[in-house]
Amino acid sequence: MTSCNCNLNIHYTAPDEVWDKIAKLYQEMPEWQGIKNGIPYWFSKSESGKYLCASVEPGGLQFRGELEPEEWQQWLTLFRKKASDYLGYEIGEPEDGYDFVYY
């Protein structure tokens, strides 16, 4: 397993309607485990071993965890595609040139 981490161009100031869509998407993603202490988790609710969690940070929506590299890439690719469809703009990492949408 490897440490995985990324920030996506979903800005923390997005309105509730955006976060409602993201919350729905969280539950549709593979290996959804639910929320523990306000933090969404996939694969496990324990931060030891295989897990993935999300948080809203000033730099965007952040994912971090420990997964097999191929599994991480597949999961992130699916999330980005679905989020792009839900939100109506391309979702990716700001450092790769994906712009934030400010509401």
Protein backbone atom coordinates (compact mmCIF):
# COMPACT_ATOMS: atom_id res chain seq x y z
CA MET A 1 0.00 0.00 0.00
CA THR A 2 1.01 3.57 -0.50
CA SER A 3 0.08 6.90 1.00
CA CYS A 4 -2.37 8.78 -1.22
CA ASN A 5 -3.24 12.44 -1.01
CA CYS A 6 -4.78 15.01 -3.31
CA ASN A 7 -6.61 18.31 -3.28
CA LEU A 8 -9.40 18.90 -5.78
CA ASN A 9 -10.71 22.17 -7.14
CA ILE A 10 -13.90 22.16 -5.08
CA HIS A 11 -13.55 25.32 -3.03
CA TYR A 12 -14.42 25.37 0.66
CA THR A 13 -16.69 28.39 0.10
CA ALA A 14 -18.95 26.48 -2.31
CA PRO A 15 -22.65 26.82 -1.41
CA ASP A 16 -24.62 24.15 0.42
CA GLU A 17 -26.16 22.88 -2.82
CA VAL A 18 -22.67 21.89 -4.02
CA TRP A 19 -21.81 20.16 -0.75
CA ASP A 20 -25.18 18.36 -0.81
CA LYS A 21 -24.25 16.92 -4.24
CA ILE A 22 -20.81 15.93 -2.95
CA ALA A 23 -22.36 14.24 0.11
CA LYS A 24 -24.61 12.21 -2.20
CA LEU A 25 -21.62 11.31 -4.37
CA TYR A 26 -19.62 10.17 -1.32
CA GLN A 27 -22.26 7.52 -0.62
CA GLU A 28 -22.22 6.29 -4.23
CA MET A 29 -18.47 5.73 -4.29
CA PRO A 30 -17.05 2.21 -3.90
CA GLU A 31 -16.24 1.04 -0.37
CA TRP A 32 -18.28 3.79 1.35
CA GLN A 33 -18.06 3.26 5.14
CA GLY A 34 -19.99 6.27 6.42
CA ILE A 35 -19.06 9.23 8.57
CA LYS A 36 -17.08 9.11 11.80
CA ASN A 37 -16.63 12.30 13.84
CA GLY A 38 -17.79 14.37 10.86
CA ILE A 39 -15.27 12.81 8.46
CA PRO A 40 -16.37 10.68 5.48
CA TYR A 41 -14.52 7.36 5.11
CA TRP A 42 -14.11 4.66 2.49
CA PHE A 43 -12.61 1.17 2.87
CA SER A 44 -12.37 1.53 6.69
CA LYS A 45 -13.22 4.02 9.43
CA SER A 46 -9.82 3.34 11.00
CA GLU A 47 -6.79 5.31 9.88
CA SER A 48 -4.56 2.30 10.10
CA GLY A 49 -4.25 -0.10 7.22
CA LYS A 50 -6.34 0.46 4.12
CA TYR A 51 -8.53 3.58 4.30
CA LEU A 52 -9.49 6.80 2.55
CA CYS A 53 -11.03 9.92 4.06
CA ALA A 54 -11.96 13.42 2.93
CA SER A 55 -11.89 16.89 4.43
CA VAL A 56 -12.68 20.38 3.23
CA GLU A 57 -9.56 22.54 3.38
CA PRO A 58 -8.67 26.06 2.17
CA GLY A 59 -6.77 24.39 -0.71
CA GLY A 60 -9.85 22.46 -1.85
CA LEU A 61 -11.49 19.14 -1.15
CA GLN A 62 -8.75 16.90 0.21
CA PHE A 63 -8.53 13.11 0.13
CA ARG A 64 -5.91 11.17 2.06
CA GLY A 65 -5.36 7.57 2.98
CA GLU A 66 -3.52 4.34 2.35
CA LEU A 67 -4.44 2.26 -0.70
CA GLU A 68 -2.85 0.16 -3.39
CA PRO A 69 -1.68 2.58 -6.14
CA GLU A 70 -3.92 1.07 -8.84
CA GLU A 71 -6.94 1.09 -6.53
CA TRP A 72 -6.28 4.74 -5.60
CA GLN A 73 -6.05 5.79 -9.26
CA GLN A 74 -9.25 3.95 -10.17
CA TRP A 75 -11.16 5.38 -7.21
CA LEU A 76 -9.93 8.95 -7.79
CA THR A 77 -10.63 8.78 -11.54
CA LEU A 78 -14.20 7.65 -10.83
CA PHE A 79 -14.72 10.37 -8.21
CA ARG A 80 -13.41 13.08 -10.53
CA LYS A 81 -15.64 11.92 -13.40
CA LYS A 82 -18.77 11.73 -11.26
CA ALA A 83 -18.04 15.04 -9.50
CA SER A 84 -17.48 16.73 -12.88
CA ASP A 85 -20.86 15.40 -14.06
CA TYR A 86 -22.63 16.43 -10.83
CA LEU A 87 -21.12 19.92 -10.65
CA GLY A 88 -20.94 20.80 -14.34
CA TYR A 89 -17.25 21.67 -14.47
CA GLU A 90 -14.03 19.68 -14.74
CA ILE A 91 -12.76 18.43 -11.38
CA GLY A 92 -9.03 17.96 -10.88
CA GLU A 93 -6.05 19.14 -8.89
CA PRO A 94 -5.41 22.91 -8.94
CA GLU A 95 -1.67 22.25 -9.27
CA ASP A 96 -2.47 20.51 -12.58
CA GLY A 97 -4.26 23.61 -13.88
CA TYR A 98 -7.84 22.90 -12.81
CA ASP A 99 -9.45 26.15 -11.75
CA PHE A 100 -11.72 26.71 -8.79
CA VAL A 101 -15.27 27.81 -9.49
CA TYR A 102 -16.29 30.58 -7.12
CA TYR A 103 -19.97 31.03 -6.44
